[in-house]
Amino acid sequence: MQIDSYAFGSMTVDGKIYEEDLIVFPDKVKPNWWRKQGHSLAIEDLDEVINYKPEVLIVGKGASSCMQIPSSTKNLLKQKHIEIIDEDTKLASRLFNEQIKKGKRAVGAFHLTC
């Protein structure tokens, strides 16, 4: 999987346009990703990611980085030996592509708006 582009409210992955938050795995996309609390990333929001056992999780927190990641979520990911990188979605999408090109088992979870 490769992220072709990101603009506020829209991400193109392998030529397909998504206009809802999504999770990008190396081999699939989970569209219409909903979180328990919209602008906070709870560990429950990442069940499928944790089961996938990535080396690294790249979180796109939105165009203005409005989505927060509580320390409890970060701590649990560390306990599961999953590195977390969180940035605004534009930068996060580039970092996801870089990690994939390096051969990392990377997953990206992206908030597409604010």
Protein backbone atom coordinates (compact mmCIF):
# COMPACT_ATOMS: atom_id res chain seq x y z
CA MET A 1 0.00 0.00 0.00
CA GLN A 2 1.10 3.51 -0.72
CA ILE A 3 -0.54 6.79 0.11
CA ASP A 4 -0.68 8.78 -3.11
CA SER A 5 -1.93 12.04 -1.63
CA TYR A 6 -3.63 13.75 1.30
CA ALA A 7 -5.72 16.91 1.37
CA PHE A 8 -8.10 18.06 4.11
CA GLY A 9 -10.89 15.45 4.25
CA SER A 10 -9.47 13.20 1.53
CA MET A 11 -6.73 10.60 1.17
CA THR A 12 -5.85 8.60 -1.93
CA VAL A 13 -4.36 5.16 -1.31
CA ASP A 14 -3.23 3.05 -4.26
CA GLY A 15 -5.40 5.16 -6.56
CA LYS A 16 -8.58 4.91 -4.47
CA ILE A 17 -10.01 8.03 -2.81
CA TYR A 18 -11.20 7.86 0.81
CA GLU A 19 -13.17 10.68 2.43
CA GLU A 20 -13.57 9.21 5.92
CA ASP A 21 -10.95 8.40 8.53
CA LEU A 22 -9.14 5.17 7.78
CA ILE A 23 -6.51 2.67 8.82
CA VAL A 24 -3.95 1.64 6.21
CA PHE A 25 -2.27 -1.74 6.63
CA PRO A 26 0.52 -2.95 4.32
CA ASP A 27 -1.98 -5.21 2.53
CA LYS A 28 -5.43 -3.61 3.04
CA VAL A 29 -7.36 -0.49 3.97
CA LYS A 30 -9.98 -0.30 6.70
CA PRO A 31 -12.23 2.59 5.63
CA ASN A 32 -14.73 4.51 7.77
CA TRP A 33 -12.66 4.22 10.95
CA TRP A 34 -14.65 5.44 13.94
CA ARG A 35 -13.26 6.11 17.38
CA LYS A 36 -14.97 5.75 20.74
CA GLN A 37 -14.41 9.47 21.37
CA GLY A 38 -13.95 11.33 18.08
CA HIS A 39 -10.84 13.41 18.86
CA SER A 40 -9.21 11.06 21.35
CA LEU A 41 -7.50 7.81 20.42
CA ALA A 42 -8.50 5.08 22.87
CA ILE A 43 -6.76 1.72 22.89
CA GLU A 44 -10.11 0.11 21.99
CA ASP A 45 -9.98 2.03 18.71
CA LEU A 46 -6.86 0.08 17.78
CA ASP A 47 -7.91 -3.53 18.43
CA GLU A 48 -7.39 -4.58 14.81
CA VAL A 49 -4.05 -2.76 14.68
CA ILE A 50 -2.79 -4.45 17.85
CA ASN A 51 -3.87 -7.87 16.57
CA TYR A 52 -1.92 -7.19 13.35
CA LYS A 53 1.25 -6.73 15.47
CA PRO A 54 2.97 -3.97 13.49
CA GLU A 55 6.48 -2.76 14.26
CA VAL A 56 5.31 0.82 14.02
CA LEU A 57 1.99 2.67 14.12
CA ILE A 58 1.89 6.04 12.40
CA VAL A 59 -1.01 8.19 13.59
CA GLY A 60 -2.22 11.13 11.53
CA LYS A 61 -3.87 13.41 14.09
CA GLY A 62 -5.65 15.59 11.50
CA ALA A 63 -4.70 18.63 9.45
CA SER A 64 -4.30 20.71 12.63
CA SER A 65 -3.39 17.78 14.93
CA CYS A 66 -6.71 17.99 16.80
CA MET A 67 -6.87 14.28 17.66
CA GLN A 68 -5.21 13.57 21.01
CA ILE A 69 -3.46 10.39 22.06
CA PRO A 70 -3.71 9.78 25.80
CA SER A 71 -0.60 8.58 27.60
CA SER A 72 -2.48 5.39 28.56
CA THR A 73 -2.83 4.53 24.85
CA LYS A 74 0.82 5.30 24.15
CA ASN A 75 1.93 3.26 27.17
CA LEU A 76 -0.06 0.20 26.15
CA LEU A 77 1.33 0.34 22.62
CA LYS A 78 4.86 0.46 24.07
CA GLN A 79 4.04 -2.56 26.25
CA LYS A 80 3.00 -4.38 23.06
CA HIS A 81 6.35 -3.38 21.47
CA ILE A 82 4.65 -1.14 18.89
CA GLU A 83 6.50 2.08 18.17
CA ILE A 84 4.13 5.03 17.76
CA ILE A 85 4.77 8.07 15.60
CA ASP A 86 2.12 10.79 15.78
CA GLU A 87 2.11 13.85 13.56
CA ASP A 88 -0.30 15.98 11.57
CA THR A 89 -1.88 13.85 8.84
CA LYS A 90 0.09 15.36 5.96
CA LEU A 91 3.45 14.53 7.55
CA ALA A 92 2.16 11.21 8.92
CA SER A 93 1.15 10.08 5.43
CA ARG A 94 4.69 10.74 4.16
CA LEU A 95 6.18 8.94 7.16
CA PHE A 96 3.93 5.94 6.51
CA ASN A 97 5.24 5.67 2.94
CA GLU A 98 8.83 5.96 4.18
CA GLN A 99 8.33 3.17 6.72
CA ILE A 100 6.79 0.89 4.10
CA LYS A 101 9.66 1.60 1.67
CA LYS A 102 12.10 0.63 4.44
CA GLY A 103 10.35 -2.73 4.67
CA LYS A 104 8.83 -2.05 8.08
CA ARG A 105 5.61 -3.74 9.17
CA ALA A 106 3.85 -0.39 9.48
CA VAL A 107 0.21 0.58 9.96
CA GLY A 108 -1.20 4.08 9.55
CA ALA A 109 -4.29 5.38 11.36
CA PHE A 110 -5.45 8.66 9.85
CA HIS A 111 -7.87 11.36 10.93
CA LEU A 112 -8.57 13.26 7.71
CA THR A 113 -10.10 16.52 8.90
CA CYS A 114 -9.33 18.96 11.74
